[in-house]
Amino acid sequence: MDQRRRRRRRGRRQTRRRRKRNLLLKMIILIILIVGTIAALLLWKKYGPSKETADLNKYYGVENDNQLAIVVNNQIIDPKGMITDGKAYVEYSVVRDYINERFYWDPNENTLLYTLPNGVVSVGVGSQDYSVGKEKNSEEYVIVKTEGSTAYIALDFVKQYTNMDFEVYDKPSRVMVNTETGSVDVAQVKRDTQGGVKSPILTEVKKNDKVRVIEDEGDWKKVRTEDGFIGYIAKRSLKDVTKEKISRDFKEPEYTNISKDYTINMAWSNVTNTDANSGILQLIAQTKGLTTLSPTWFHVADTDGDLESIASTEVVNYAHQANIEVWAAIRDFDGGINSYDESYELLSHTSSRTNLINQIISTALSTGIDGINVDFEKISEECGEHYIQFIRELSVKCRQNGLVLSVDNYVPQAYNQQYHRKEQGVFADYVVIMGYDEHYGGSPEAGSVASYDYVKNGVEQTVKEVPSEKVISGIPFFTRVWKETPKTDAELAKAKGTDNEDYTMNVESTAYGMAEAQTVVEQAGVTTEWDDKTKQNYATWEADGSTYEVWLEDAESLAPKLQLIKDYNLAGSAAWRLGQETSDIWDVILKYVN
C-alpha cells in the first residue's frame, strides 16, 4: 500500500516536471518567435522598399518653373534649358559639352556657327533664318534665343546636324536626349516595381517596360528609363540583358582630306624678312629627298586678323622645279601679335577669323603656295574652343581651293588639351607633332631637347586621337648646350617655398646646329658617350666653376626617332629647322622616308 502511494506521488511529481518543461519550452519558442519577428521588422524597415516619393525637382536640380531638366544619355545635366513656344531650348554650353561640340557660339557678334565640309552654317539671334555658305534657309521657329549673355539653341535645330534623338516630358518639365550609337545593353522588366532599397521612389516601371542598363552592381542594376529616370532595380526584377542596336536616319557629313601618296619629308625654314628668302634656295639645294618646305612667311599683324606676308613667288617656283611643295607657316608669335591675350582677342571674334582666313587664302593662291601650316603657340585654355573653330573654318577654305592644311602641336600633355587634336584629325589634312623642346630655353633644369621616350610618347598619345596616316612626327636639327652653376645660399633661401625650391642650380642654355654643337664638345676636349636611355650621345665637363652638359642631335640620335614613322605607320617627318643639319642627316632620313 505504501509502495503504491509512493509510485503515485512519484508519477505526479514527474507529470508536474513535464508540464514545467513544456511550459518553459513554449515560452522559449514564443520568445524566439517574438525576437525573430522584431528582427524581421527591423530588417524590413532597414532594407525593405521605401514608400517615400522623391522630390523630382530636387532630383533634376530644377529650382523654378522656367527651367527644363536635361538628361543626356546616362547623365543628368544641370537644368540649363527652357520650353518656349512649344520648343525645347538648351544652353549652348550643354550642346557643346554633351551633345555636339561642333556648334560654336560667338557671344561678341551674337552668331551661332556650325562647320560643314564645304561651308559654315550661320544663325543670328532671334532669327528663323540661317545660311549654309551662300545658301539661305529658314525654319518655322526661332533657332537661337538669348537671356543676357547666355545663348539657348533649339534642339530641333541641333538634331539636324547631330546623330541624336530627344523627347520632352512633363512633371517635371524635362528633355531626354540620346546621342548613343552602336549597340547598348537593355533589359525588360519582369513585373511592376518601384526599384530602390530605402531610396525615395523616382518612378514606377511596369511589366515589359524596356530599360537601358548602365551598370551592374551586385544584386542590383543601375538603369535608365526611356523617359529619363536613372535609378536601381533588383536583378530579379529584370529579364536577361540583351544587346540592342541603335539605328537612326542620320547621315554623318564626310570631311574629306588631301592625302599625299608618298611619305612626307618636310622641313621648316625660319625666315624673318624678305631678304632672307634668297637663302632658302641654297638650303633647298643641300637637301636630299625633301618633299615639303614650310617657310615662316605669314604672321598675324593685329587682333583684327590682318596678315603680314613675306611670301616669295621666286622661292615657290624654285621649289616646284625641284618637285618640292611649299606649305607656308602662319604663326601667332615672333612678329605681329605675340601673346595669349592677343590670340584670344583675334580668335574669339568671327569677323577677325574670317578676315585672317580670307587673306591667307588669297595670298597663298596669288603666290602659288601648295598648303598652309598653322603654328599657333599662344593658345590658352580659355581660347581653345575659338582656336579649333578657326581650324574648322580655315579647313573649309583650304578644301575649296585645293590647299593642304597642316597644324602644329606640342607633344600631348595634360596642360595642352585645349588644342583639340582629335578634332584637328577630322578637319586638317595633317597633324604635326613638334617632338622637341622637352627641355627648352629657360628650363629650370638641364636635359635633352628630344629624348627617344619623349618623342615616342608624343607619337603614341597623338595616334590615340588622330589617324596615324595623318600624323607627321617633328624632329629637331638643333641641340642645347647647358651650363649649370650652383645657386648661392641667398638664392636658395629666396627660392624656398616656391616652385624653384627643388632646383639647386642656375641653368643657362644655348641652342646650336648639329655641326656647331659637335664643335663645342671638341673644343672642350671631351668624348661623348652613348646614353641608351635618351638614345643620344652625351657629354659633360667642368669649366670656370660650372658644369656643362649636352645631349647631341646627330645621325645616331635621329635614326631611332625616324624609325617611329615606320613603327606607327605615320605620314612622315618634319624637321626644325632647315640649315641646322649636317649633310649626312639627309641620307639617314631617306632610310626611313622614301
Foldseek 3Di string as FASTA:
>chain_A
DVVVVVVVVVVVVVVVVVVVVVVVVVVVVVVVVVVVVVVVVVCCVVFNEAPFADPVCVVQVNDDQQFAWEAEAQDTDNRQWGADPNFIWHWPVCCCPGFNVQWDAQLVQQWIWGFFQQFIWIAHEQAQWIATHPRIDGDPDGAWYDDVSIIIGTVVVVVQQAQKDKDFDPPPTYMYIYRDAFKFKKWFFQAWDQADTHDHGHDIDGGRFMWTFDADDPQWTFTAGPRGDTDIHGPVRIDDIDIDGDDDPDDHGANDADADPFFAQEFEAEDDALVCLVVVLVLVVLFPPHAEYEYQAWEQQFLLQDIGGSDDLVSQVSCVVVNHAYAYEYEHDPHHHHALVGLQSNLSDPSSLVSNLVVVLVVCVVSVHQAYEYEYDHHALVSLSSQLSSLSVSLSSCVVVNHAYEYEDEQDDPRPCSVVLLSCLRRHQAYEYQQFPPPHFVRLDDDWRHFQVSQLSSLVVNCVRHPQQRYAYEDEQKKKKKKWAFDDPVVLVVCPPHPSNVRGTDMGIDIAGQVVVVVVCVVQVDAWDQDPRRQFTKDWDDDPRIIIIIGGDALRNVLSSLVVCVVRVHSHYYYPHRPSHDSCNNVSRVVRGD
